[in-house]
């Protein structure tokens, strides 16, 4: 059992890799160990004990984005074998990520933050990112803030 909530995602990845190893699913073990190593690398860049579950989620989201971009390139190059492999990796990653917030939820949150913070883009962006806990992409948040600030 994890000592605190912040270790839950990494601990789940480790537990699932042990389960996959016991069941003989070496490909899943390899993929899960890779994800664990990405989180470990992020942890090394932070002061001891400062890695949060949000940081872990952001690491996996970044990896998901990389995989999705690679998938598009492989599709353009007609490398369907690699697309299929990436599809499996993408599904695995998504299974460990929290459900993303809807555009409506983010829009409401941005409106709430604007009411509290005024029209300061940076302050709104920081506040919304802190509130979403990695359940919304920075690009989407920024787009919604810009739309609201421009009066659309």
N, C-alpha and C. Protein backbone atom coordinates (compact mmCIF):
# COMPACT_ATOMS: atom_id res chain seq x y z
N UNK A 1 0.85 -1.19 0.00
CA UNK A 1 0.00 0.00 0.00
C UNK A 1 0.89 1.24 0.00
N UNK A 2 0.61 2.22 -0.84
CA UNK A 2 1.44 3.40 -0.88
C UNK A 2 1.33 4.21 0.41
N UNK A 3 2.42 4.90 0.75
CA UNK A 3 2.44 5.72 1.94
C UNK A 3 1.56 6.95 1.80
N UNK A 4 1.46 7.49 0.58
CA UNK A 4 0.60 8.64 0.35
C UNK A 4 0.04 8.57 -1.06
N UNK A 5 -0.90 9.43 -1.32
CA UNK A 5 -1.57 9.40 -2.62
C UNK A 5 -0.63 9.70 -3.77
N UNK A 6 0.42 10.48 -3.51
CA UNK A 6 1.30 10.90 -4.58
C UNK A 6 2.08 9.75 -5.21
N UNK A 7 2.21 8.63 -4.52
CA UNK A 7 2.96 7.50 -5.04
C UNK A 7 2.06 6.50 -5.77
N UNK A 8 0.79 6.76 -5.83
CA UNK A 8 -0.16 5.76 -6.31
C UNK A 8 0.06 5.36 -7.77
N UNK A 9 0.28 6.29 -8.67
CA UNK A 9 0.41 5.96 -10.08
C UNK A 9 1.65 5.11 -10.34
N UNK A 10 2.77 5.55 -9.83
CA UNK A 10 4.01 4.80 -10.01
C UNK A 10 3.90 3.41 -9.37
N UNK A 11 3.30 3.36 -8.19
CA UNK A 11 3.12 2.07 -7.51
C UNK A 11 2.21 1.15 -8.31
N UNK A 12 1.17 1.71 -8.93
CA UNK A 12 0.27 0.90 -9.75
C UNK A 12 1.01 0.36 -10.96
N UNK A 13 1.84 1.18 -11.58
CA UNK A 13 2.64 0.73 -12.72
C UNK A 13 3.56 -0.42 -12.30
N UNK A 14 4.19 -0.28 -11.15
CA UNK A 14 5.10 -1.33 -10.66
C UNK A 14 4.33 -2.62 -10.37
N UNK A 15 3.21 -2.49 -9.69
CA UNK A 15 2.41 -3.68 -9.36
C UNK A 15 1.92 -4.37 -10.63
N UNK A 16 1.49 -3.59 -11.60
CA UNK A 16 1.00 -4.17 -12.86
C UNK A 16 2.14 -4.82 -13.65
N UNK A 17 3.35 -4.27 -13.53
CA UNK A 17 4.48 -4.88 -14.24
C UNK A 17 4.83 -6.23 -13.61
N UNK A 18 4.71 -6.34 -12.30
CA UNK A 18 4.96 -7.62 -11.63
C UNK A 18 3.89 -8.64 -12.06
N UNK A 19 2.64 -8.20 -12.11
CA UNK A 19 1.55 -9.08 -12.54
C UNK A 19 1.77 -9.55 -13.98
N UNK A 20 2.17 -8.61 -14.85
CA UNK A 20 2.43 -8.97 -16.25
C UNK A 20 3.60 -9.92 -16.36
N UNK A 21 4.61 -9.72 -15.53
CA UNK A 21 5.79 -10.60 -15.54
C UNK A 21 5.38 -12.02 -15.12
N UNK A 22 4.57 -12.12 -14.09
CA UNK A 22 4.11 -13.42 -13.62
C UNK A 22 3.24 -14.13 -14.65
N UNK A 23 2.50 -13.35 -15.45
CA UNK A 23 1.64 -13.96 -16.46
C UNK A 23 2.38 -14.20 -17.78
N UNK A 24 3.65 -13.78 -17.85
CA UNK A 24 4.45 -14.03 -19.04
C UNK A 24 4.25 -13.02 -20.16
N UNK A 25 3.63 -11.88 -19.87
CA UNK A 25 3.40 -10.83 -20.88
C UNK A 25 4.62 -9.90 -20.92
N UNK A 26 5.68 -10.37 -21.56
CA UNK A 26 6.94 -9.64 -21.56
C UNK A 26 6.85 -8.28 -22.24
N UNK A 27 6.04 -8.16 -23.27
CA UNK A 27 5.89 -6.88 -23.96
C UNK A 27 5.28 -5.83 -23.04
N UNK A 28 4.25 -6.22 -22.29
CA UNK A 28 3.63 -5.29 -21.34
C UNK A 28 4.61 -4.92 -20.23
N UNK A 29 5.38 -5.89 -19.77
CA UNK A 29 6.40 -5.63 -18.74
C UNK A 29 7.38 -4.57 -19.25
N UNK A 30 7.83 -4.76 -20.47
CA UNK A 30 8.79 -3.82 -21.07
C UNK A 30 8.20 -2.42 -21.15
N UNK A 31 6.96 -2.31 -21.59
CA UNK A 31 6.30 -1.01 -21.73
C UNK A 31 6.08 -0.34 -20.38
N UNK A 32 5.66 -1.12 -19.39
CA UNK A 32 5.43 -0.56 -18.06
C UNK A 32 6.74 -0.13 -17.41
N UNK A 33 7.78 -0.91 -17.57
CA UNK A 33 9.08 -0.52 -17.01
C UNK A 33 9.59 0.77 -17.65
N UNK A 34 9.32 0.94 -18.94
CA UNK A 34 9.71 2.17 -19.62
C UNK A 34 8.98 3.37 -19.01
N UNK A 35 7.69 3.22 -18.76
CA UNK A 35 6.91 4.30 -18.15
C UNK A 35 7.42 4.62 -16.74
N UNK A 36 7.74 3.58 -15.99
CA UNK A 36 8.30 3.78 -14.65
C UNK A 36 9.62 4.55 -14.74
N UNK A 37 10.45 4.20 -15.74
CA UNK A 37 11.74 4.89 -15.88
C UNK A 37 11.54 6.36 -16.24
N UNK A 38 10.51 6.68 -17.02
CA UNK A 38 10.23 8.08 -17.34
C UNK A 38 9.86 8.86 -16.08
N UNK A 39 9.05 8.24 -15.23
CA UNK A 39 8.68 8.89 -13.97
C UNK A 39 9.91 9.04 -13.07
N UNK A 40 10.76 8.01 -13.03
CA UNK A 40 11.99 8.09 -12.24
C UNK A 40 12.89 9.22 -12.73
N UNK A 41 13.00 9.38 -14.05
CA UNK A 41 13.81 10.47 -14.61
C UNK A 41 13.27 11.82 -14.18
N UNK A 42 11.95 11.99 -14.20
CA UNK A 42 11.33 13.25 -13.76
C UNK A 42 11.62 13.48 -12.29
N UNK A 43 11.55 12.42 -11.50
CA UNK A 43 11.77 12.53 -10.07
C UNK A 43 13.19 13.01 -9.77
N UNK A 44 14.14 12.59 -10.59
CA UNK A 44 15.53 13.01 -10.39
C UNK A 44 15.74 14.50 -10.62
N UNK A 45 14.85 15.14 -11.38
CA UNK A 45 14.99 16.57 -11.66
C UNK A 45 14.38 17.44 -10.57
N UNK A 46 13.69 16.81 -9.63
CA UNK A 46 13.01 17.55 -8.56
C UNK A 46 13.71 17.32 -7.23
N UNK A 47 13.51 18.24 -6.28
CA UNK A 47 14.06 17.99 -4.93
C UNK A 47 13.49 16.70 -4.35
N UNK A 48 14.24 16.05 -3.50
CA UNK A 48 13.86 14.77 -2.92
C UNK A 48 12.45 14.83 -2.32
N UNK A 49 11.61 13.91 -2.73
CA UNK A 49 10.27 13.80 -2.19
C UNK A 49 9.26 14.79 -2.73
N UNK A 50 9.60 15.52 -3.78
CA UNK A 50 8.70 16.55 -4.30
C UNK A 50 7.85 16.10 -5.49
N UNK A 51 8.04 14.88 -5.96
CA UNK A 51 7.25 14.37 -7.08
C UNK A 51 5.81 14.14 -6.64
N UNK A 52 4.87 14.73 -7.36
CA UNK A 52 3.46 14.57 -7.03
C UNK A 52 2.79 13.67 -8.07
N UNK A 53 1.59 13.26 -7.77
CA UNK A 53 0.85 12.45 -8.74
C UNK A 53 0.57 13.26 -10.00
N UNK A 54 0.39 14.57 -9.84
CA UNK A 54 0.20 15.44 -11.01
C UNK A 54 1.43 15.41 -11.90
N UNK A 55 2.63 15.41 -11.28
CA UNK A 55 3.87 15.31 -12.07
C UNK A 55 3.91 14.00 -12.84
N UNK A 56 3.51 12.92 -12.16
CA UNK A 56 3.49 11.61 -12.81
C UNK A 56 2.53 11.61 -14.00
N UNK A 57 1.37 12.19 -13.79
CA UNK A 57 0.37 12.26 -14.86
C UNK A 57 0.91 13.06 -16.03
N UNK A 58 1.58 14.17 -15.73
CA UNK A 58 2.12 15.01 -16.80
C UNK A 58 3.19 14.27 -17.60
N UNK A 59 3.98 13.45 -16.93
CA UNK A 59 4.99 12.64 -17.62
C UNK A 59 4.30 11.69 -18.60
N UNK A 60 3.26 11.01 -18.13
CA UNK A 60 2.55 10.07 -19.00
C UNK A 60 1.81 10.80 -20.12
N UNK A 61 1.27 11.98 -19.83
CA UNK A 61 0.59 12.74 -20.89
C UNK A 61 1.57 13.17 -21.97
N UNK A 62 2.77 13.57 -21.55
CA UNK A 62 3.79 13.96 -22.54
C UNK A 62 4.16 12.76 -23.41
N UNK A 63 4.30 11.61 -22.79
CA UNK A 63 4.63 10.40 -23.54
C UNK A 63 3.48 10.03 -24.48
N UNK A 64 2.26 10.19 -24.01
CA UNK A 64 1.10 9.92 -24.87
C UNK A 64 1.11 10.84 -26.09
N UNK A 65 1.39 12.09 -25.88
CA UNK A 65 1.45 13.04 -26.99
C UNK A 65 2.54 12.64 -27.98
N UNK A 66 3.70 12.25 -27.47
CA UNK A 66 4.79 11.79 -28.35
C UNK A 66 4.37 10.58 -29.17
N UNK A 67 3.71 9.63 -28.52
CA UNK A 67 3.26 8.41 -29.22
C UNK A 67 2.24 8.75 -30.30
N UNK A 68 1.31 9.66 -29.97
CA UNK A 68 0.29 10.04 -30.95
C UNK A 68 0.90 10.75 -32.16
N UNK A 69 1.92 11.61 -31.91
CA UNK A 69 2.60 12.28 -33.01
C UNK A 69 3.36 11.28 -33.87
N UNK A 70 4.02 10.33 -33.24
CA UNK A 70 4.74 9.29 -33.98
C UNK A 70 3.77 8.46 -34.82
N UNK A 71 2.62 8.18 -34.24
CA UNK A 71 1.61 7.39 -34.96
C UNK A 71 1.21 8.09 -36.25
N UNK A 72 1.00 9.39 -36.18
CA UNK A 72 0.63 10.15 -37.38
C UNK A 72 1.73 10.08 -38.44
N UNK A 73 2.97 10.19 -38.00
CA UNK A 73 4.09 10.10 -38.94
C UNK A 73 4.17 8.72 -39.57
N UNK A 74 3.96 7.69 -38.78
CA UNK A 74 3.99 6.32 -39.32
C UNK A 74 2.83 6.09 -40.29
N UNK A 75 1.68 6.68 -40.00
CA UNK A 75 0.56 6.58 -40.93
C UNK A 75 0.90 7.22 -42.27
N UNK A 76 1.50 8.40 -42.21
CA UNK A 76 1.89 9.08 -43.45
C UNK A 76 2.91 8.26 -44.24
N UNK A 77 3.79 7.57 -43.51
CA UNK A 77 4.81 6.75 -44.14
C UNK A 77 4.32 5.35 -44.49
N UNK A 78 3.04 5.10 -44.26
CA UNK A 78 2.43 3.80 -44.57
C UNK A 78 3.11 2.63 -43.84
N UNK A 79 3.52 2.88 -42.59
CA UNK A 79 4.13 1.84 -41.76
C UNK A 79 3.08 1.30 -40.80
N UNK A 80 2.14 0.54 -41.34
CA UNK A 80 1.01 0.08 -40.55
C UNK A 80 1.42 -0.86 -39.42
N UNK A 81 2.52 -1.58 -39.59
CA UNK A 81 3.01 -2.45 -38.52
C UNK A 81 3.37 -1.63 -37.28
N UNK A 82 4.02 -0.48 -37.52
CA UNK A 82 4.41 0.38 -36.41
C UNK A 82 3.20 1.12 -35.83
N UNK A 83 2.24 1.43 -36.67
CA UNK A 83 1.01 2.09 -36.21
C UNK A 83 0.27 1.16 -35.24
N UNK A 84 0.18 -0.11 -35.58
CA UNK A 84 -0.51 -1.07 -34.72
C UNK A 84 0.19 -1.18 -33.37
N UNK A 85 1.51 -1.24 -33.38
CA UNK A 85 2.27 -1.32 -32.12
C UNK A 85 2.03 -0.06 -31.28
N UNK A 86 2.04 1.09 -31.93
CA UNK A 86 1.81 2.34 -31.20
C UNK A 86 0.39 2.42 -30.67
N UNK A 87 -0.57 1.90 -31.42
CA UNK A 87 -1.95 1.90 -30.94
C UNK A 87 -2.05 1.16 -29.61
N UNK A 88 -1.35 0.04 -29.50
CA UNK A 88 -1.35 -0.73 -28.26
C UNK A 88 -0.71 0.05 -27.13
N UNK A 89 0.40 0.73 -27.43
CA UNK A 89 1.08 1.53 -26.41
C UNK A 89 0.21 2.71 -25.97
N UNK A 90 -0.46 3.33 -26.92
CA UNK A 90 -1.34 4.46 -26.62
C UNK A 90 -2.47 4.02 -25.71
N UNK A 91 -3.07 2.88 -26.00
CA UNK A 91 -4.16 2.36 -25.17
C UNK A 91 -3.67 2.06 -23.75
N UNK A 92 -2.47 1.49 -23.65
CA UNK A 92 -1.89 1.21 -22.34
C UNK A 92 -1.70 2.51 -21.56
N UNK A 93 -1.13 3.51 -22.20
CA UNK A 93 -0.93 4.80 -21.54
C UNK A 93 -2.25 5.40 -21.08
N UNK A 94 -3.23 5.39 -21.96
CA UNK A 94 -4.53 5.97 -21.62
C UNK A 94 -5.17 5.28 -20.42
N UNK A 95 -4.90 3.99 -20.26
CA UNK A 95 -5.50 3.25 -19.15
C UNK A 95 -4.96 3.72 -17.80
N UNK A 96 -3.83 4.39 -17.77
CA UNK A 96 -3.25 4.88 -16.52
C UNK A 96 -3.50 6.36 -16.29
N UNK A 97 -4.06 7.04 -17.27
CA UNK A 97 -4.32 8.46 -17.14
C UNK A 97 -5.75 8.71 -16.67
N UNK A 98 -5.95 9.75 -15.86
CA UNK A 98 -7.32 10.07 -15.45
C UNK A 98 -8.12 10.56 -16.65
N UNK A 99 -9.43 10.47 -16.53
CA UNK A 99 -10.29 10.95 -17.61
C UNK A 99 -10.08 12.46 -17.74
N UNK A 100 -9.90 12.90 -18.97
CA UNK A 100 -9.66 14.31 -19.23
C UNK A 100 -10.94 15.12 -19.01
N UNK A 101 -10.75 16.38 -18.62
CA UNK A 101 -11.88 17.28 -18.41
C UNK A 101 -12.47 17.65 -19.77
N UNK A 102 -13.75 17.93 -19.78
CA UNK A 102 -14.40 18.35 -21.02
C UNK A 102 -14.11 19.83 -21.27
N UNK A 103 -14.32 20.25 -22.51
CA UNK A 103 -14.14 21.66 -22.86
C UNK A 103 -15.06 22.53 -22.01
N UNK A 104 -16.26 22.07 -21.77
CA UNK A 104 -17.22 22.83 -20.97
C UNK A 104 -16.72 23.00 -19.54
N UNK A 105 -16.15 21.94 -18.96
CA UNK A 105 -15.62 22.02 -17.59
C UNK A 105 -14.46 23.00 -17.52
N UNK A 106 -13.58 22.94 -18.51
CA UNK A 106 -12.42 23.83 -18.53
C UNK A 106 -12.88 25.27 -18.73
N UNK A 107 -13.85 25.48 -19.63
CA UNK A 107 -14.37 26.82 -19.89
C UNK A 107 -14.97 27.41 -18.61
N UNK A 108 -15.72 26.62 -17.87
CA UNK A 108 -16.31 27.09 -16.62
C UNK A 108 -15.22 27.44 -15.61
N UNK A 109 -14.20 26.61 -15.53
CA UNK A 109 -13.10 26.85 -14.60
C UNK A 109 -12.34 28.13 -14.97
N UNK A 110 -12.10 28.32 -16.27
CA UNK A 110 -11.43 29.54 -16.73
C UNK A 110 -12.27 30.76 -16.36
N UNK A 111 -13.58 30.68 -16.58
CA UNK A 111 -14.48 31.78 -16.22
C UNK A 111 -14.41 32.10 -14.74
N UNK A 112 -14.38 31.06 -13.93
CA UNK A 112 -14.28 31.23 -12.48
C UNK A 112 -12.96 31.90 -12.10
N UNK A 113 -11.87 31.46 -12.71
CA UNK A 113 -10.56 32.04 -12.41
C UNK A 113 -10.47 33.50 -12.88
N UNK A 114 -11.09 33.79 -14.03
CA UNK A 114 -11.11 35.18 -14.52
C UNK A 114 -11.85 36.07 -13.54
N UNK A 115 -12.94 35.55 -12.97
CA UNK A 115 -13.70 36.34 -12.00
C UNK A 115 -12.85 36.65 -10.76
N UNK A 116 -12.00 35.70 -10.39
CA UNK A 116 -11.15 35.89 -9.21
C UNK A 116 -9.87 36.66 -9.50
N UNK A 117 -9.31 36.49 -10.70
CA UNK A 117 -7.96 37.01 -11.00
C UNK A 117 -7.94 38.13 -12.03
N UNK A 118 -9.05 38.45 -12.63
CA UNK A 118 -9.06 39.47 -13.67
C UNK A 118 -8.64 38.88 -15.00
N UNK A 119 -8.02 39.69 -15.84
CA UNK A 119 -7.67 39.28 -17.20
C UNK A 119 -6.18 39.00 -17.38
N UNK A 120 -5.49 38.61 -16.34
CA UNK A 120 -4.06 38.29 -16.41
C UNK A 120 -3.90 36.86 -16.93
N UNK A 121 -3.49 36.74 -18.20
CA UNK A 121 -3.38 35.42 -18.85
C UNK A 121 -2.53 34.46 -18.02
N UNK A 122 -1.34 34.91 -17.63
CA UNK A 122 -0.42 34.02 -16.90
C UNK A 122 -1.00 33.54 -15.58
N UNK A 123 -1.62 34.44 -14.84
CA UNK A 123 -2.20 34.06 -13.54
C UNK A 123 -3.35 33.08 -13.73
N UNK A 124 -4.19 33.34 -14.75
CA UNK A 124 -5.31 32.43 -15.02
C UNK A 124 -4.77 31.06 -15.44
N UNK A 125 -3.77 31.06 -16.30
CA UNK A 125 -3.20 29.80 -16.79
C UNK A 125 -2.65 28.97 -15.63
N UNK A 126 -1.87 29.61 -14.75
CA UNK A 126 -1.30 28.89 -13.60
C UNK A 126 -2.41 28.33 -12.71
N UNK A 127 -3.41 29.15 -12.43
CA UNK A 127 -4.49 28.73 -11.53
C UNK A 127 -5.28 27.56 -12.13
N UNK A 128 -5.60 27.66 -13.41
CA UNK A 128 -6.38 26.59 -14.05
C UNK A 128 -5.56 25.30 -14.10
N UNK A 129 -4.28 25.40 -14.47
CA UNK A 129 -3.44 24.19 -14.51
C UNK A 129 -3.36 23.53 -13.14
N UNK A 130 -3.25 24.35 -12.08
CA UNK A 130 -3.21 23.80 -10.73
C UNK A 130 -4.52 23.11 -10.38
N UNK A 131 -5.63 23.67 -10.81
CA UNK A 131 -6.94 23.11 -10.50
C UNK A 131 -7.23 21.83 -11.28
N UNK A 132 -6.73 21.74 -12.51
CA UNK A 132 -7.04 20.57 -13.33
C UNK A 132 -6.23 19.35 -12.95
N UNK A 133 -5.11 19.53 -12.30
CA UNK A 133 -4.30 18.39 -11.87
C UNK A 133 -3.87 17.48 -13.00
N UNK A 134 -3.57 18.06 -14.16
CA UNK A 134 -3.12 17.25 -15.29
C UNK A 134 -4.25 16.62 -16.09
N UNK A 135 -5.49 17.00 -15.81
CA UNK A 135 -6.62 16.41 -16.53
C UNK A 135 -7.06 17.26 -17.72
N UNK A 136 -6.22 18.24 -18.08
CA UNK A 136 -6.49 19.07 -19.26
C UNK A 136 -5.16 19.49 -19.86
N UNK A 137 -5.08 19.52 -21.18
CA UNK A 137 -3.83 19.89 -21.82
C UNK A 137 -3.61 21.40 -21.72
N UNK A 138 -2.36 21.79 -21.58
CA UNK A 138 -2.01 23.19 -21.51
C UNK A 138 -2.44 23.94 -22.76
N UNK A 139 -2.33 23.27 -23.90
CA UNK A 139 -2.74 23.90 -25.17
C UNK A 139 -4.22 24.24 -25.16
N UNK A 140 -5.05 23.33 -24.69
CA UNK A 140 -6.49 23.55 -24.66
C UNK A 140 -6.83 24.66 -23.66
N UNK A 141 -6.20 24.62 -22.50
CA UNK A 141 -6.44 25.66 -21.50
C UNK A 141 -6.09 27.03 -22.07
N UNK A 142 -4.92 27.13 -22.69
CA UNK A 142 -4.48 28.41 -23.26
C UNK A 142 -5.45 28.90 -24.33
N UNK A 143 -5.92 27.99 -25.18
CA UNK A 143 -6.85 28.38 -26.23
C UNK A 143 -8.15 28.94 -25.64
N UNK A 144 -8.67 28.29 -24.62
CA UNK A 144 -9.91 28.73 -23.99
C UNK A 144 -9.72 30.08 -23.32
N UNK A 145 -8.59 30.25 -22.65
CA UNK A 145 -8.32 31.55 -21.99
C UNK A 145 -8.25 32.65 -23.04
N UNK A 146 -7.53 32.39 -24.14
CA UNK A 146 -7.41 33.41 -25.21
C UNK A 146 -8.77 33.74 -25.78
N UNK A 147 -9.60 32.72 -25.99
CA UNK A 147 -10.94 32.96 -26.54
C UNK A 147 -11.76 33.84 -25.58
N UNK A 148 -11.68 33.54 -24.30
CA UNK A 148 -12.45 34.32 -23.32
C UNK A 148 -11.91 35.73 -23.22
N UNK A 149 -10.59 35.88 -23.24
CA UNK A 149 -10.01 37.22 -23.12
C UNK A 149 -10.29 38.09 -24.34
N UNK A 150 -10.41 37.44 -25.49
CA UNK A 150 -10.68 38.21 -26.71
C UNK A 150 -12.19 38.47 -26.90
N UNK A 151 -13.00 37.93 -25.99
CA UNK A 151 -14.43 38.18 -26.04
C UNK A 151 -15.22 37.29 -26.96
N UNK A 152 -14.62 36.18 -27.41
CA UNK A 152 -15.35 35.26 -28.31
C UNK A 152 -16.35 34.43 -27.56
